[in-house]
Amino acid sequence: MSTPEPPPGSPRRPGTGPVSALQNTPNAERYVLEADAMRRRQLRSALLHGSRRTWREHQRSWPAVTVGLLVAAFIVAGIIVYNAVQVTEDNTKKQEQERQAPATSTSAPASPSARP
């Protein structure tokens, strides 16, 4: 037969309930601490890794991400160098045109010995 539940507010009898399960176990405190530590590890792992169980599954994607970032950096650097070369070429062309333009305009006036 089962024992009736004590009324609310009355003290619990020793040896009943979930607390009593560990009272007769040697090193009960150690088991409780280990269970708490395991629960904390599981919660931390769930928080950090989401639905995946271990960090090893995430390790596979990091090399691909790193390579992708390096390739993107090289592409951007190449575009910058190409634009710098283009600007330099444009500047040299403008300077050559400025040098040639005054030379053609100075040859148009008559020489000073051609005066009457």
PDB file of N, CA and C in Angstrom:
ATOM      1  N   MET A   1       0.820  -1.180   0.000  1.00  0.00           N
ATOM      2  CA  MET A   1       0.000   0.000   0.000  1.00  0.00           C
ATOM      3  C   MET A   1       0.863   1.242   0.000  1.00  0.00           C
ATOM      4  N   SER A   2       0.346   2.266  -0.554  1.00  0.00           N
ATOM      5  CA  SER A   2       1.093   3.514  -0.596  1.00  0.00           C
ATOM      6  C   SER A   2       0.772   4.351   0.629  1.00  0.00           C
ATOM      7  N   THR A   3       1.749   5.131   1.024  1.00  0.00           N
ATOM      8  CA  THR A   3       1.538   5.984   2.195  1.00  0.00           C
ATOM      9  C   THR A   3       0.870   7.266   1.755  1.00  0.00           C
ATOM     10  N   PRO A   4      -0.032   7.802   2.545  1.00  0.00           N
ATOM     11  CA  PRO A   4      -0.711   9.050   2.160  1.00  0.00           C
ATOM     12  C   PRO A   4       0.272  10.220   2.220  1.00  0.00           C
ATOM     13  N   GLU A   5       0.022  11.209   1.380  1.00  0.00           N
ATOM     14  CA  GLU A   5       0.846  12.411   1.343  1.00  0.00           C
ATOM     15  C   GLU A   5       0.604  13.232   2.603  1.00  0.00           C
ATOM     16  N   PRO A   6       1.653  13.798   3.187  1.00  0.00           N
ATOM     17  CA  PRO A   6       1.445  14.633   4.364  1.00  0.00           C
ATOM     18  C   PRO A   6       0.776  15.934   3.956  1.00  0.00           C
ATOM     19  N   PRO A   7       0.034  16.548   4.824  1.00  0.00           N
ATOM     20  CA  PRO A   7      -0.635  17.811   4.480  1.00  0.00           C
ATOM     21  C   PRO A   7       0.407  18.905   4.219  1.00  0.00           C
ATOM     22  N   PRO A   8       0.058  19.905   3.388  1.00  0.00           N
ATOM     23  CA  PRO A   8       1.004  20.975   3.078  1.00  0.00           C
ATOM     24  C   PRO A   8       1.406  21.715   4.358  1.00  0.00           C
ATOM     25  N   GLY A   9       2.659  22.087   4.431  1.00  0.00           N
ATOM     26  CA  GLY A   9       3.149  22.815   5.588  1.00  0.00           C
ATOM     27  C   GLY A   9       3.722  21.926   6.669  1.00  0.00           C
ATOM     28  N   SER A  10       3.476  20.625   6.618  1.00  0.00           N
ATOM     29  CA  SER A  10       4.035  19.743   7.639  1.00  0.00           C
ATOM     30  C   SER A  10       5.436  19.326   7.231  1.00  0.00           C
ATOM     31  N   PRO A  11       6.321  19.054   8.167  1.00  0.00           N
ATOM     32  CA  PRO A  11       7.696  18.673   7.814  1.00  0.00           C
ATOM     33  C   PRO A  11       7.722  17.322   7.099  1.00  0.00           C
ATOM     34  N   ARG A  12       8.695  17.168   6.219  1.00  0.00           N
ATOM     35  CA  ARG A  12       8.831  15.914   5.477  1.00  0.00           C
ATOM     36  C   ARG A  12       9.474  14.875   6.373  1.00  0.00           C
ATOM     37  N   ARG A  13       9.044  13.662   6.163  1.00  0.00           N
ATOM     38  CA  ARG A  13       9.659  12.560   6.895  1.00  0.00           C
ATOM     39  C   ARG A  13      10.956  12.184   6.219  1.00  0.00           C
ATOM     40  N   PRO A  14      12.004  11.902   6.979  1.00  0.00           N
ATOM     41  CA  PRO A  14      13.254  11.494   6.351  1.00  0.00           C
ATOM     42  C   PRO A  14      13.083  10.164   5.623  1.00  0.00           C
ATOM     43  N   GLY A  15      13.780  10.051   4.486  1.00  0.00           N
ATOM     44  CA  GLY A  15      13.725   8.804   3.737  1.00  0.00           C
ATOM     45  C   GLY A  15      12.652   8.789   2.677  1.00  0.00           C
ATOM     46  N   THR A  16      11.959   9.894   2.425  1.00  0.00           N
ATOM     47  CA  THR A  16      10.931   9.927   1.383  1.00  0.00           C
ATOM     48  C   THR A  16      11.267  11.000   0.369  1.00  0.00           C
ATOM     49  N   GLY A  17      10.831  10.809  -0.851  1.00  0.00           N
ATOM     50  CA  GLY A  17      10.994  11.815  -1.891  1.00  0.00           C
ATOM     51  C   GLY A  17      12.303  11.674  -2.636  1.00  0.00           C
ATOM     52  N   PRO A  18      12.526  12.571  -3.625  1.00  0.00           N
ATOM     53  CA  PRO A  18      13.706  12.481  -4.469  1.00  0.00           C
ATOM     54  C   PRO A  18      15.006  12.787  -3.722  1.00  0.00           C
ATOM     55  N   VAL A  19      14.957  13.558  -2.653  1.00  0.00           N
ATOM     56  CA  VAL A  19      16.171  13.879  -1.925  1.00  0.00           C
ATOM     57  C   VAL A  19      16.723  12.631  -1.249  1.00  0.00           C
ATOM     58  N   SER A  20      15.859  11.758  -0.816  1.00  0.00           N
ATOM     59  CA  SER A  20      16.307  10.572  -0.089  1.00  0.00           C
ATOM     60  C   SER A  20      17.020   9.564  -0.991  1.00  0.00           C
ATOM     61  N   ALA A  21      16.873   9.678  -2.298  1.00  0.00           N
ATOM     62  CA  ALA A  21      17.508   8.736  -3.209  1.00  0.00           C
ATOM     63  C   ALA A  21      19.024   8.817  -3.101  1.00  0.00           C
ATOM     64  N   LEU A  22      19.569   9.997  -2.829  1.00  0.00           N
ATOM     65  CA  LEU A  22      21.003  10.158  -2.736  1.00  0.00           C
ATOM     66  C   LEU A  22      21.516  10.150  -1.301  1.00  0.00           C
ATOM     67  N   GLN A  23      20.624  10.108  -0.332  1.00  0.00           N
ATOM     68  CA  GLN A  23      21.080  10.161   1.049  1.00  0.00           C
ATOM     69  C   GLN A  23      21.838   8.905   1.457  1.00  0.00           C
ATOM     70  N   ASN A  24      21.486   7.771   0.928  1.00  0.00           N
ATOM     71  CA  ASN A  24      22.147   6.525   1.266  1.00  0.00           C
ATOM     72  C   ASN A  24      23.314   6.203   0.338  1.00  0.00           C
ATOM     73  N   THR A  25      23.584   7.054  -0.650  1.00  0.00           N
ATOM     74  CA  THR A  25      24.664   6.830  -1.606  1.00  0.00           C
ATOM     75  C   THR A  25      25.943   7.448  -1.069  1.00  0.00           C
ATOM     76  N   PRO A  26      27.046   6.693  -1.084  1.00  0.00           N
ATOM     77  CA  PRO A  26      28.306   7.306  -0.673  1.00  0.00           C
ATOM     78  C   PRO A  26      28.731   8.356  -1.710  1.00  0.00           C
ATOM     79  N   ASN A  27      29.358   9.404  -1.259  1.00  0.00           N
ATOM     80  CA  ASN A  27      29.806  10.504  -2.124  1.00  0.00           C
ATOM     81  C   ASN A  27      28.649  11.133  -2.889  1.00  0.00           C
ATOM     82  N   ALA A  28      27.511  11.266  -2.258  1.00  0.00           N
ATOM     83  CA  ALA A  28      26.328  11.815  -2.913  1.00  0.00           C
ATOM     84  C   ALA A  28      26.573  13.239  -3.379  1.00  0.00           C
ATOM     85  N   GLU A  29      27.306  13.987  -2.628  1.00  0.00           N
ATOM     86  CA  GLU A  29      27.572  15.372  -2.993  1.00  0.00           C
ATOM     87  C   GLU A  29      28.395  15.440  -4.281  1.00  0.00           C
ATOM     88  N   ARG A  30      29.332  14.514  -4.418  1.00  0.00           N
ATOM     89  CA  ARG A  30      30.149  14.477  -5.623  1.00  0.00           C
ATOM     90  C   ARG A  30      29.295  14.187  -6.853  1.00  0.00           C
ATOM     91  N   TYR A  31      28.358  13.261  -6.751  1.00  0.00           N
ATOM     92  CA  TYR A  31      27.486  12.928  -7.880  1.00  0.00           C
ATOM     93  C   TYR A  31      26.612  14.119  -8.260  1.00  0.00           C
ATOM     94  N   VAL A  32      26.126  14.831  -7.256  1.00  0.00           N
ATOM     95  CA  VAL A  32      25.286  15.999  -7.541  1.00  0.00           C
ATOM     96  C   VAL A  32      26.116  17.062  -8.259  1.00  0.00           C
ATOM     97  N   LEU A  33      27.339  17.282  -7.811  1.00  0.00           N
ATOM     98  CA  LEU A  33      28.200  18.277  -8.445  1.00  0.00           C
ATOM     99  C   LEU A  33      28.571  17.872  -9.872  1.00  0.00           C
ATOM    100  N   GLU A  34      28.844  16.584 -10.082  1.00  0.00           N
ATOM    101  CA  GLU A  34      29.164  16.113 -11.433  1.00  0.00           C
ATOM    102  C   GLU A  34      27.964  16.249 -12.361  1.00  0.00           C
ATOM    103  N   ALA A  35      26.781  15.950 -11.856  1.00  0.00           N
ATOM    104  CA  ALA A  35      25.574  16.088 -12.676  1.00  0.00           C
ATOM    105  C   ALA A  35      25.345  17.550 -13.034  1.00  0.00           C
ATOM    106  N   ASP A  36      25.580  18.439 -12.096  1.00  0.00           N
ATOM    107  CA  ASP A  36      25.415  19.861 -12.367  1.00  0.00           C
ATOM    108  C   ASP A  36      26.448  20.338 -13.383  1.00  0.00           C
ATOM    109  N   ALA A  37      27.683  19.868 -13.252  1.00  0.00           N
ATOM    110  CA  ALA A  37      28.720  20.250 -14.210  1.00  0.00           C
ATOM    111  C   ALA A  37      28.384  19.742 -15.604  1.00  0.00           C
ATOM    112  N   MET A  38      27.873  18.520 -15.705  1.00  0.00           N
ATOM    113  CA  MET A  38      27.508  17.977 -17.009  1.00  0.00           C
ATOM    114  C   MET A  38      26.356  18.783 -17.626  1.00  0.00           C
ATOM    115  N   ARG A  39      25.382  19.152 -16.807  1.00  0.00           N
ATOM    116  CA  ARG A  39      24.251  19.941 -17.302  1.00  0.00           C
ATOM    117  C   ARG A  39      24.743  21.293 -17.800  1.00  0.00           C
ATOM    118  N   ARG A  40      25.668  21.904 -17.096  1.00  0.00           N
ATOM    119  CA  ARG A  40      26.209  23.193 -17.516  1.00  0.00           C
ATOM    120  C   ARG A  40      26.981  23.055 -18.840  1.00  0.00           C
ATOM    121  N   ARG A  41      27.759  21.973 -18.984  1.00  0.00           N
ATOM    122  CA  ARG A  41      28.486  21.752 -20.242  1.00  0.00           C
ATOM    123  C   ARG A  41      27.523  21.583 -21.410  1.00  0.00           C
ATOM    124  N   GLN A  42      26.452  20.842 -21.181  1.00  0.00           N
ATOM    125  CA  GLN A  42      25.470  20.633 -22.247  1.00  0.00           C
ATOM    126  C   GLN A  42      24.798  21.947 -22.627  1.00  0.00           C
ATOM    127  N   LEU A  43      24.443  22.755 -21.646  1.00  0.00           N
ATOM    128  CA  LEU A  43      23.803  24.033 -21.935  1.00  0.00           C
ATOM    129  C   LEU A  43      24.765  24.976 -22.664  1.00  0.00           C
ATOM    130  N   ARG A  44      26.024  25.006 -22.236  1.00  0.00           N
ATOM    131  CA  ARG A  44      27.008  25.857 -22.897  1.00  0.00           C
ATOM    132  C   ARG A  44      27.224  25.400 -24.331  1.00  0.00           C
ATOM    133  N   SER A  45      27.306  24.098 -24.538  1.00  0.00           N
ATOM    134  CA  SER A  45      27.496  23.572 -25.881  1.00  0.00           C
ATOM    135  C   SER A  45      26.293  23.910 -26.765  1.00  0.00           C
ATOM    136  N   ALA A  46      25.101  23.788 -26.213  1.00  0.00           N
ATOM    137  CA  ALA A  46      23.901  24.110 -26.986  1.00  0.00           C
ATOM    138  C   ALA A  46      23.864  25.594 -27.323  1.00  0.00           C
ATOM    139  N   LEU A  47      24.295  26.432 -26.398  1.00  0.00           N
ATOM    140  CA  LEU A  47      24.294  27.865 -26.645  1.00  0.00           C
ATOM    141  C   LEU A  47      25.328  28.249 -27.701  1.00  0.00           C
ATOM    142  N   LEU A  48      26.510  27.666 -27.620  1.00  0.00           N
ATOM    143  CA  LEU A  48      27.582  28.024 -28.548  1.00  0.00           C
ATOM    144  C   LEU A  48      27.408  27.418 -29.923  1.00  0.00           C
ATOM    145  N   HIS A  49      26.907  26.194 -29.998  1.00  0.00           N
ATOM    146  CA  HIS A  49      26.893  25.467 -31.266  1.00  0.00           C
ATOM    147  C   HIS A  49      25.507  25.246 -31.834  1.00  0.00           C
ATOM    148  N   GLY A  50      24.480  25.661 -31.152  1.00  0.00           N
ATOM    149  CA  GLY A  50      23.128  25.518 -31.681  1.00  0.00           C
ATOM    150  C   GLY A  50      22.699  24.073 -31.756  1.00  0.00           C
ATOM    151  N   SER A  51      22.107  23.706 -32.880  1.00  0.00           N
ATOM    152  CA  SER A  51      21.574  22.351 -33.016  1.00  0.00           C
ATOM    153  C   SER A  51      22.673  21.323 -33.241  1.00  0.00           C
ATOM    154  N   ARG A  52      23.858  21.776 -33.620  1.00  0.00           N
ATOM    155  CA  ARG A  52      24.968  20.842 -33.806  1.00  0.00           C
ATOM    156  C   ARG A  52      25.521  20.449 -32.454  1.00  0.00           C
ATOM    157  N   ARG A  53      26.019  19.261 -32.352  1.00  0.00           N
ATOM    158  CA  ARG A  53      26.422  18.737 -31.056  1.00  0.00           C
ATOM    159  C   ARG A  53      27.865  19.043 -30.685  1.00  0.00           C
ATOM    160  N   THR A  54      28.743  19.163 -31.664  1.00  0.00           N
ATOM    161  CA  THR A  54      30.149  19.359 -31.328  1.00  0.00           C
ATOM    162  C   THR A  54      30.739  20.469 -32.171  1.00  0.00           C
ATOM    163  N   TRP A  55      31.845  21.024 -31.731  1.00  0.00           N
ATOM    164  CA  TRP A  55      32.518  22.079 -32.468  1.00  0.00           C
ATOM    165  C   TRP A  55      33.227  21.541 -33.699  1.00  0.00           C
ATOM    166  N   ARG A  56      33.464  20.234 -33.756  1.00  0.00           N
ATOM    167  CA  ARG A  56      34.190  19.657 -34.887  1.00  0.00           C
ATOM    168  C   ARG A  56      33.432  19.823 -36.198  1.00  0.00           C
ATOM    169  N   GLU A  57      32.125  19.885 -36.129  1.00  0.00           N
ATOM    170  CA  GLU A  57      31.345  20.071 -37.346  1.00  0.00           C
ATOM    171  C   GLU A  57      31.548  21.470 -37.922  1.00  0.00           C
ATOM    172  N   HIS A  58      31.827  22.445 -37.075  1.00  0.00           N
ATOM    173  CA  HIS A  58      32.042  23.804 -37.543  1.00  0.00           C
ATOM    174  C   HIS A  58      33.435  23.986 -38.137  1.00  0.00           C
ATOM    175  N   GLN A  59      34.361  23.151 -37.775  1.00  0.00           N
ATOM    176  CA  GLN A  59      35.733  23.306 -38.187  1.00  0.00           C
ATOM    177  C   GLN A  59      35.885  23.203 -39.708  1.00  0.00           C
ATOM    178  N   ARG A  60      35.036  22.473 -40.354  1.00  0.00           N
ATOM    179  CA  ARG A  60      35.155  22.257 -41.796  1.00  0.00           C
ATOM    180  C   ARG A  60      34.880  23.527 -42.586  1.00  0.00           C
ATOM    181  N   SER A  61      34.071  24.421 -42.086  1.00  0.00           N
ATOM    182  CA  SER A  61      33.713  25.609 -42.853  1.00  0.00           C
ATOM    183  C   SER A  61      34.746  26.725 -42.727  1.00  0.00           C
ATOM    184  N   TRP A  62      35.546  26.749 -41.666  1.00  0.00           N
ATOM    185  CA  TRP A  62      36.498  27.847 -41.480  1.00  0.00           C
ATOM    186  C   TRP A  62      37.549  27.926 -42.583  1.00  0.00           C
ATOM    187  N   PRO A  63      38.120  26.834 -43.063  1.00  0.00           N
ATOM    188  CA  PRO A  63      39.078  26.979 -44.161  1.00  0.00           C
ATOM    189  C   PRO A  63      38.448  27.584 -45.415  1.00  0.00           C
ATOM    190  N   ALA A  64      37.230  27.211 -45.719  1.00  0.00           N
ATOM    191  CA  ALA A  64      36.558  27.762 -46.894  1.00  0.00           C
ATOM    192  C   ALA A  64      36.293  29.256 -46.718  1.00  0.00           C
ATOM    193  N   VAL A  65      35.904  29.657 -45.544  1.00  0.00           N
ATOM    194  CA  VAL A  65      35.663  31.077 -45.278  1.00  0.00           C
ATOM    195  C   VAL A  65      36.969  31.856 -45.399  1.00  0.00           C
ATOM    196  N   THR A  66      38.041  31.319 -44.858  1.00  0.00           N
ATOM    197  CA  THR A  66      39.332  31.992 -44.912  1.00  0.00           C
ATOM    198  C   THR A  66      39.820  32.131 -46.359  1.00  0.00           C
ATOM    199  N   VAL A  67      39.712  31.077 -47.121  1.00  0.00           N
ATOM    200  CA  VAL A  67      40.131  31.125 -48.526  1.00  0.00           C
ATOM    201  C   VAL A  67      39.271  32.125 -49.298  1.00  0.00           C
ATOM    202  N   GLY A  68      37.988  32.139 -49.038  1.00  0.00           N
ATOM    203  CA  GLY A  68      37.099  33.090 -49.707  1.00  0.00           C
ATOM    204  C   GLY A  68      37.465  34.530 -49.401  1.00  0.00           C
ATOM    205  N   LEU A  69      37.777  34.815 -48.144  1.00  0.00           N
ATOM    206  CA  LEU A  69      38.175  36.173 -47.779  1.00  0.00           C
ATOM    207  C   LEU A  69      39.501  36.565 -48.432  1.00  0.00           C
ATOM    208  N   LEU A  70      40.430  35.611 -48.506  1.00  0.00           N
ATOM    209  CA  LEU A  70      41.709  35.906 -49.162  1.00  0.00           C
ATOM    210  C   LEU A  70      41.522  36.181 -50.649  1.00  0.00           C
ATOM    211  N   VAL A  71      40.699  35.396 -51.310  1.00  0.00           N
ATOM    212  CA  VAL A  71      40.447  35.613 -52.739  1.00  0.00           C
ATOM    213  C   VAL A  71      39.796  36.970 -52.964  1.00  0.00           C
ATOM    214  N   ALA A  72      38.836  37.321 -52.120  1.00  0.00           N
ATOM    215  CA  ALA A  72      38.179  38.623 -52.244  1.00  0.00           C
ATOM    216  C   ALA A  72      39.184  39.755 -52.023  1.00  0.00           C
ATOM    217  N   ALA A  73      40.088  39.597 -51.063  1.00  0.00           N
ATOM    218  CA  ALA A  73      41.098  40.628 -50.805  1.00  0.00           C
ATOM    219  C   ALA A  73      42.024  40.780 -52.007  1.00  0.00           C
ATOM    220  N   PHE A  74      42.424  39.666 -52.634  1.00  0.00           N
ATOM    221  CA  PHE A  74      43.291  39.748 -53.813  1.00  0.00           C
ATOM    222  C   PHE A  74      42.570  40.414 -54.985  1.00  0.00           C
ATOM    223  N   ILE A  75      41.294  40.138 -55.157  1.00  0.00           N
ATOM    224  CA  ILE A  75      40.533  40.760 -56.246  1.00  0.00           C
ATOM    225  C   ILE A  75      40.445  42.267 -56.030  1.00  0.00           C
ATOM    226  N   VAL A  76      40.137  42.677 -54.806  1.00  0.00           N
ATOM    227  CA  VAL A  76      40.039  44.112 -54.503  1.00  0.00           C
ATOM    228  C   VAL A  76      41.396  44.782 -54.703  1.00  0.00           C
ATOM    229  N   ALA A  77      42.478  44.145 -54.251  1.00  0.00           N
ATOM    230  CA  ALA A  77      43.818  44.713 -54.437  1.00  0.00           C
ATOM    231  C   ALA A  77      44.148  44.834 -55.924  1.00  0.00           C
ATOM    232  N   GLY A  78      43.784  43.846 -56.719  1.00  0.00           N
ATOM    233  CA  GLY A  78      44.023  43.909 -58.161  1.00  0.00           C
ATOM    234  C   GLY A  78      43.267  45.054 -58.817  1.00  0.00           C
ATOM    235  N   ILE A  79      42.037  45.272 -58.413  1.00  0.00           N
ATOM    236  CA  ILE A  79      41.243  46.371 -58.974  1.00  0.00           C
ATOM    237  C   ILE A  79      41.872  47.715 -58.611  1.00  0.00           C
ATOM    238  N   ILE A  80      42.344  47.835 -57.376  1.00  0.00           N
ATOM    239  CA  ILE A  80      42.973  49.089 -56.940  1.00  0.00           C
ATOM    240  C   ILE A  80      44.247  49.363 -57.738  1.00  0.00           C
ATOM    241  N   VAL A  81      45.069  48.345 -57.934  1.00  0.00           N
ATOM    242  CA  VAL A  81      46.314  48.517 -58.705  1.00  0.00           C
ATOM    243  C   VAL A  81      45.993  48.865 -60.150  1.00  0.00           C
ATOM    244  N   TYR A  82      45.020  48.194 -60.736  1.00  0.00           N
ATOM    245  CA  TYR A  82      44.634  48.479 -62.126  1.00  0.00           C
ATOM    246  C   TYR A  82      44.172  49.926 -62.262  1.00  0.00           C
ATOM    247  N   ASN A  83      43.338  50.402 -61.339  1.00  0.00           N
ATOM    248  CA  ASN A  83      42.862  51.789 -61.389  1.00  0.00           C
ATOM    249  C   ASN A  83      44.020  52.769 -61.209  1.00  0.00           C
ATOM    250  N   ALA A  84      44.965  52.458 -60.350  1.00  0.00           N
ATOM    251  CA  ALA A  84      46.118  53.337 -60.154  1.00  0.00           C
ATOM    252  C   ALA A  84      46.948  53.429 -61.427  1.00  0.00           C
ATOM    253  N   VAL A  85      47.135  52.324 -62.117  1.00  0.00           N
ATOM    254  CA  VAL A  85      47.880  52.331 -63.378  1.00  0.00           C
ATOM    255  C   VAL A  85      47.140  53.154 -64.418  1.00  0.00           C
ATOM    256  N   GLN A  86      45.829  53.016 -64.478  1.00  0.00           N
ATOM    257  CA  GLN A  86      45.032  53.782 -65.452  1.00  0.00           C
ATOM    258  C   GLN A  86      45.131  55.278 -65.182  1.00  0.00           C
ATOM    259  N   VAL A  87      45.058  55.673 -63.917  1.00  0.00           N
ATOM    260  CA  VAL A  87      45.159  57.097 -63.571  1.00  0.00           C
ATOM    261  C   VAL A  87      46.532  57.635 -63.939  1.00  0.00           C
ATOM    262  N   THR A  88      47.574  56.848 -63.697  1.00  0.00           N
ATOM    263  CA  THR A  88      48.932  57.271 -64.054  1.00  0.00           C
ATOM    264  C   THR A  88      49.067  57.439 -65.563  1.00  0.00           C
ATOM    265  N   GLU A  89      48.537  56.524 -66.335  1.00  0.00           N
ATOM    266  CA  GLU A  89      48.587  56.632 -67.798  1.00  0.00           C
ATOM    267  C   GLU A  89      47.818  57.856 -68.284  1.00  0.00           C
ATOM    268  N   ASP A  90      46.650  58.100 -67.694  1.00  0.00           N
ATOM    269  CA  ASP A  90      45.861  59.278 -68.079  1.00  0.00           C
ATOM    270  C   ASP A  90      46.635  60.562 -67.777  1.00  0.00           C
ATOM    271  N   ASN A  91      47.283  60.611 -66.631  1.00  0.00           N
ATOM    272  CA  ASN A  91      48.052  61.805 -66.268  1.00  0.00           C
ATOM    273  C   ASN A  91      49.221  62.034 -67.230  1.00  0.00           C
ATOM    274  N   THR A  92      49.901  60.956 -67.608  1.00  0.00           N
ATOM    275  CA  THR A  92      51.025  61.123 -68.548  1.00  0.00           C
ATOM    276  C   THR A  92      50.528  61.565 -69.928  1.00  0.00           C
ATOM    277  N   LYS A  93      49.383  61.073 -70.358  1.00  0.00           N
ATOM    278  CA  LYS A  93      48.817  61.495 -71.650  1.00  0.00           C
ATOM    279  C   LYS A  93      48.444  62.976 -71.606  1.00  0.00           C
ATOM    280  N   LYS A  94      47.855  63.414 -70.494  1.00  0.00           N
ATOM    281  CA  LYS A  94      47.487  64.833 -70.367  1.00  0.00           C
ATOM    282  C   LYS A  94      48.719  65.719 -70.379  1.00  0.00           C
ATOM    283  N   GLN A  95      49.768  65.282 -69.686  1.00  0.00           N
ATOM    284  CA  GLN A  95      51.001  66.070 -69.668  1.00  0.00           C
ATOM    285  C   GLN A  95      51.625  66.151 -71.042  1.00  0.00           C
ATOM    286  N   GLU A  96      51.596  65.075 -71.828  1.00  0.00           N
ATOM    287  CA  GLU A  96      52.129  65.090 -73.188  1.00  0.00           C
ATOM    288  C   GLU A  96      51.307  66.008 -74.080  1.00  0.00           C
ATOM    289  N   GLN A  97      49.995  65.987 -73.913  1.00  0.00           N
ATOM    290  CA  GLN A  97      49.139  66.864 -74.713  1.00  0.00           C
ATOM    291  C   GLN A  97      49.388  68.326 -74.367  1.00  0.00           C
ATOM    292  N   GLU A  98      49.615  68.629 -73.078  1.00  0.00           N
ATOM    293  CA  GLU A  98      49.884  70.009 -72.678  1.00  0.00           C
ATOM    294  C   GLU A  98      51.228  70.477 -73.228  1.00  0.00           C
ATOM    295  N   ARG A  99      52.192  69.597 -73.312  1.00  0.00           N
ATOM    296  CA  ARG A  99      53.500  69.956 -73.860  1.00  0.00           C
ATOM    297  C   ARG A  99      53.415  70.192 -75.365  1.00  0.00           C
ATOM    298  N   GLN A 100      52.611  69.391 -76.052  1.00  0.00           N
ATOM    299  CA  GLN A 100      52.492  69.517 -77.504  1.00  0.00           C
ATOM    300  C   GLN A 100      51.620  70.702 -77.902  1.00  0.00           C
ATOM    301  N   ALA A 101      50.616  71.018 -77.157  1.00  0.00           N
ATOM    302  CA  ALA A 101      49.700  72.114 -77.498  1.00  0.00           C
ATOM    303  C   ALA A 101      50.421  73.460 -77.505  1.00  0.00           C
ATOM    304  N   PRO A 102      51.192  73.861 -76.495  1.00  0.00           N
ATOM    305  CA  PRO A 102      51.896  75.142 -76.564  1.00  0.00           C
ATOM    306  C   PRO A 102      52.959  75.157 -77.655  1.00  0.00           C
ATOM    307  N   ALA A 103      53.553  74.058 -77.973  1.00  0.00           N
ATOM    308  CA  ALA A 103      54.574  74.004 -79.017  1.00  0.00           C
ATOM    309  C   ALA A 103      53.964  74.335 -80.367  1.00  0.00           C
ATOM    310  N   THR A 104      52.794  73.879 -80.676  1.00  0.00           N
ATOM    311  CA  THR A 104      52.150  74.179 -81.958  1.00  0.00           C
ATOM    312  C   THR A 104      51.656  75.618 -81.978  1.00  0.00           C
ATOM    313  N   SER A 105      51.253  76.184 -80.874  1.00  0.00           N
ATOM    314  CA  SER A 105      50.752  77.559 -80.856  1.00  0.00           C
ATOM    315  C   SER A 105      51.903  78.559 -80.931  1.00  0.00           C
ATOM    316  N   THR A 106      53.093  78.256 -80.457  1.00  0.00           N
ATOM    317  CA  THR A 106      54.234  79.166 -80.533  1.00  0.00           C
ATOM    318  C   THR A 106      54.847  79.175 -81.932  1.00  0.00           C
ATOM    319  N   SER A 107      54.663  78.155 -82.695  1.00  0.00           N
ATOM    320  CA  SER A 107      55.222  78.141 -84.044  1.00  0.00           C
ATOM    321  C   SER A 107      54.358  78.932 -85.021  1.00  0.00           C
ATOM    322  N   ALA A 108      53.168  79.329 -84.683  1.00  0.00           N
ATOM    323  CA  ALA A 108      52.263  80.058 -85.565  1.00  0.00           C
ATOM    324  C   ALA A 108      52.696  81.515 -85.781  1.00  0.00           C
ATOM    325  N   PRO A 109      53.187  82.234 -84.777  1.00  0.00           N
ATOM    326  CA  PRO A 109      53.550  83.630 -85.058  1.00  0.00           C
ATOM    327  C   PRO A 109      54.761  83.738 -85.999  1.00  0.00           C
ATOM    328  N   ALA A 110      54.816  84.821 -86.669  1.00  0.00           N
ATOM    329  CA  ALA A 110      55.905  85.033 -87.630  1.00  0.00           C
ATOM    330  C   ALA A 110      57.192  85.325 -86.894  1.00  0.00           C
ATOM    331  N   SER A 111      58.283  85.086 -87.570  1.00  0.00           N
ATOM    332  CA  SER A 111      59.577  85.331 -86.954  1.00  0.00           C
ATOM    333  C   SER A 111      59.813  86.852 -86.890  1.00  0.00           C
ATOM    334  N   PRO A 112      60.647  87.284 -85.965  1.00  0.00           N
ATOM    335  CA  PRO A 112      60.865  88.735 -85.830  1.00  0.00           C
ATOM    336  C   PRO A 112      61.593  89.360 -87.033  1.00  0.00           C
ATOM    337  N   SER A 113      62.294  88.635 -87.800  1.00  0.00           N
ATOM    338  CA  SER A 113      63.023  89.200 -88.963  1.00  0.00           C
ATOM    339  C   SER A 113      62.094  89.431 -90.146  1.00  0.00           C
ATOM    340  N   ALA A 114      60.849  88.935 -90.096  1.00  0.00           N
ATOM    341  CA  ALA A 114      59.925  89.097 -91.196  1.00  0.00           C
ATOM    342  C   ALA A 114      59.185  90.429 -91.117  1.00  0.00           C
ATOM    343  N   ARG A 115      59.491  91.295 -90.192  1.00  0.00           N
ATOM    344  CA  ARG A 115      58.811  92.593 -90.062  1.00  0.00           C
ATOM    345  C   ARG A 115      59.269  93.562 -91.139  1.00  0.00           C
ATOM    346  N   PRO A 116      58.378  94.457 -91.582  1.00  0.00           N
ATOM    347  CA  PRO A 116      58.774  95.435 -92.592  1.00  0.00           C
ATOM    348  C   PRO A 116      59.495  96.636 -92.043  1.00  0.00           C
TER     349      PRO A 116
END
